[in-house]
């Protein structure tokens, strides 16, 4: 799917239609001391096998792409509608 790098859309912070720059959401680096990671490490500690079963039936082929819109006027960011596509590319219009 081709998506423009700049879009004119409503900014919920300015309460006006303004030009927005578009970027894609990327997952941040996981912290090693968060609760879920500590729980998995504690379960893995005692014995050799993996504590949770590994899911082998993958139903979904594509990840969801989530565009982030940044207002050029106020600089605030907000999410748009996520799309399940194989390829999500931003292009200059």
C-alpha atoms as a PDB file:
ATOM      1  CA  UNK A   1       0.000   0.000   0.000  1.00  0.00           C
ATOM      2  CA  UNK A   2       1.332   3.417  -0.926  1.00  0.00           C
ATOM      3  CA  UNK A   3       0.690   6.217   1.533  1.00  0.00           C
ATOM      4  CA  UNK A   4       1.676   9.918   1.249  1.00  0.00           C
ATOM      5  CA  UNK A   5       4.374  11.313   3.566  1.00  0.00           C
ATOM      6  CA  UNK A   6       2.363  14.489   4.177  1.00  0.00           C
ATOM      7  CA  UNK A   7      -1.403  14.570   4.720  1.00  0.00           C
ATOM      8  CA  UNK A   8      -3.837  17.367   5.459  1.00  0.00           C
ATOM      9  CA  UNK A   9      -6.011  16.145   8.340  1.00  0.00           C
ATOM     10  CA  UNK A  10      -7.751  17.217  11.543  1.00  0.00           C
ATOM     11  CA  UNK A  11      -5.528  17.815  14.578  1.00  0.00           C
ATOM     12  CA  UNK A  12      -7.398  17.027  17.824  1.00  0.00           C
ATOM     13  CA  UNK A  13      -5.032  19.295  19.788  1.00  0.00           C
ATOM     14  CA  UNK A  14      -5.231  22.404  17.557  1.00  0.00           C
ATOM     15  CA  UNK A  15      -8.925  21.731  16.712  1.00  0.00           C
ATOM     16  CA  UNK A  16      -8.167  22.612  13.064  1.00  0.00           C
ATOM     17  CA  UNK A  17      -7.218  20.916   9.830  1.00  0.00           C
ATOM     18  CA  UNK A  18      -3.433  21.134   9.446  1.00  0.00           C
ATOM     19  CA  UNK A  19      -0.659  19.465   7.463  1.00  0.00           C
ATOM     20  CA  UNK A  20       0.706  16.303   9.161  1.00  0.00           C
ATOM     21  CA  UNK A  21       3.883  14.338   8.500  1.00  0.00           C
ATOM     22  CA  UNK A  22       3.402  10.568   8.480  1.00  0.00           C
ATOM     23  CA  UNK A  23       5.740   7.946   9.970  1.00  0.00           C
ATOM     24  CA  UNK A  24       5.311   4.273  10.859  1.00  0.00           C
ATOM     25  CA  UNK A  25       5.038   2.939  14.410  1.00  0.00           C
ATOM     26  CA  UNK A  26       8.006   0.844  15.519  1.00  0.00           C
ATOM     27  CA  UNK A  27       8.191  -1.211  18.696  1.00  0.00           C
ATOM     28  CA  UNK A  28      10.690   0.121  21.229  1.00  0.00           C
ATOM     29  CA  UNK A  29      13.425  -1.905  22.877  1.00  0.00           C
ATOM     30  CA  UNK A  30      12.084  -4.191  25.609  1.00  0.00           C
ATOM     31  CA  UNK A  31      13.332  -3.536  29.140  1.00  0.00           C
ATOM     32  CA  UNK A  32      14.930  -6.535  30.797  1.00  0.00           C
ATOM     33  CA  UNK A  33      13.436  -5.735  34.219  1.00  0.00           C
ATOM     34  CA  UNK A  34       9.778  -5.417  33.238  1.00  0.00           C
ATOM     35  CA  UNK A  35       7.284  -7.760  34.893  1.00  0.00           C
ATOM     36  CA  UNK A  36       6.611 -10.077  31.941  1.00  0.00           C
ATOM     37  CA  UNK A  37      10.314 -10.603  31.216  1.00  0.00           C
ATOM     38  CA  UNK A  38      11.033 -11.338  34.911  1.00  0.00           C
ATOM     39  CA  UNK A  39       8.192 -13.865  35.006  1.00  0.00           C
ATOM     40  CA  UNK A  40       9.474 -15.749  31.926  1.00  0.00           C
ATOM     41  CA  UNK A  41      13.028 -15.779  33.270  1.00  0.00           C
ATOM     42  CA  UNK A  42      11.804 -17.151  36.618  1.00  0.00           C
ATOM     43  CA  UNK A  43       9.828 -19.913  34.863  1.00  0.00           C
ATOM     44  CA  UNK A  44      12.798 -20.816  32.638  1.00  0.00           C
ATOM     45  CA  UNK A  45      15.204 -20.958  35.570  1.00  0.00           C
ATOM     46  CA  UNK A  46      14.322 -24.351  37.086  1.00  0.00           C
ATOM     47  CA  UNK A  47      14.373 -26.800  34.195  1.00  0.00           C
ATOM     48  CA  UNK A  48      15.447 -27.221  30.588  1.00  0.00           C
ATOM     49  CA  UNK A  49      12.291 -26.853  28.484  1.00  0.00           C
ATOM     50  CA  UNK A  50      10.588 -23.613  27.520  1.00  0.00           C
ATOM     51  CA  UNK A  51       7.768 -22.662  29.956  1.00  0.00           C
ATOM     52  CA  UNK A  52       5.200 -21.579  27.392  1.00  0.00           C
ATOM     53  CA  UNK A  53       4.159 -23.653  24.424  1.00  0.00           C
ATOM     54  CA  UNK A  54       5.365 -22.301  21.096  1.00  0.00           C
ATOM     55  CA  UNK A  55       2.442 -21.467  18.796  1.00  0.00           C
ATOM     56  CA  UNK A  56       2.907 -23.141  15.395  1.00  0.00           C
ATOM     57  CA  UNK A  57      -0.423 -22.439  13.649  1.00  0.00           C
ATOM     58  CA  UNK A  58       0.138 -18.950  12.277  1.00  0.00           C
ATOM     59  CA  UNK A  59      -3.213 -17.696  11.008  1.00  0.00           C
ATOM     60  CA  UNK A  60      -2.246 -14.128  10.094  1.00  0.00           C
ATOM     61  CA  UNK A  61       0.085 -13.516   7.151  1.00  0.00           C
ATOM     62  CA  UNK A  62       0.583  -9.789   7.573  1.00  0.00           C
ATOM     63  CA  UNK A  63       1.415  -7.555  10.507  1.00  0.00           C
ATOM     64  CA  UNK A  64      -0.666  -4.454  11.069  1.00  0.00           C
ATOM     65  CA  UNK A  65       1.001  -1.203   9.991  1.00  0.00           C
ATOM     66  CA  UNK A  66       0.160   1.735  12.239  1.00  0.00           C
ATOM     67  CA  UNK A  67       0.741   5.247  10.840  1.00  0.00           C
ATOM     68  CA  UNK A  68       1.667   8.054  13.247  1.00  0.00           C
ATOM     69  CA  UNK A  69       0.622  11.569  12.284  1.00  0.00           C
ATOM     70  CA  UNK A  70       2.630  14.536  13.586  1.00  0.00           C
ATOM     71  CA  UNK A  71       1.087  17.993  13.334  1.00  0.00           C
ATOM     72  CA  UNK A  72       3.488  20.494  11.748  1.00  0.00           C
ATOM     73  CA  UNK A  73       1.828  23.328  13.684  1.00  0.00           C
ATOM     74  CA  UNK A  74       1.858  22.085  17.310  1.00  0.00           C
ATOM     75  CA  UNK A  75       4.180  19.057  17.001  1.00  0.00           C
ATOM     76  CA  UNK A  76       1.782  16.648  18.727  1.00  0.00           C
ATOM     77  CA  UNK A  77       1.563  13.059  17.473  1.00  0.00           C
ATOM     78  CA  UNK A  78      -1.502  10.848  17.193  1.00  0.00           C
ATOM     79  CA  UNK A  79      -2.253   7.447  15.674  1.00  0.00           C
ATOM     80  CA  UNK A  80      -4.261   6.748  12.583  1.00  0.00           C
ATOM     81  CA  UNK A  81      -6.150   3.680  11.412  1.00  0.00           C
ATOM     82  CA  UNK A  82      -4.008   0.530  11.275  1.00  0.00           C
ATOM     83  CA  UNK A  83      -3.841  -1.465   8.038  1.00  0.00           C
ATOM     84  CA  UNK A  84      -3.097  -5.164   7.558  1.00  0.00           C
ATOM     85  CA  UNK A  85      -1.000  -5.130   4.386  1.00  0.00           C
ATOM     86  CA  UNK A  86       2.118  -6.921   3.179  1.00  0.00           C
ATOM     87  CA  UNK A  87       3.923  -3.721   2.221  1.00  0.00           C
ATOM     88  CA  UNK A  88       3.255  -0.226   3.578  1.00  0.00           C
ATOM     89  CA  UNK A  89       5.427   2.369   1.910  1.00  0.00           C
ATOM     90  CA  UNK A  90       5.476   6.125   2.428  1.00  0.00           C
ATOM     91  CA  UNK A  91       5.991   8.137  -0.722  1.00  0.00           C
ATOM     92  CA  UNK A  92       6.514  11.780  -1.581  1.00  0.00           C
ATOM     93  CA  UNK A  93       3.540  13.311  -3.415  1.00  0.00           C
END
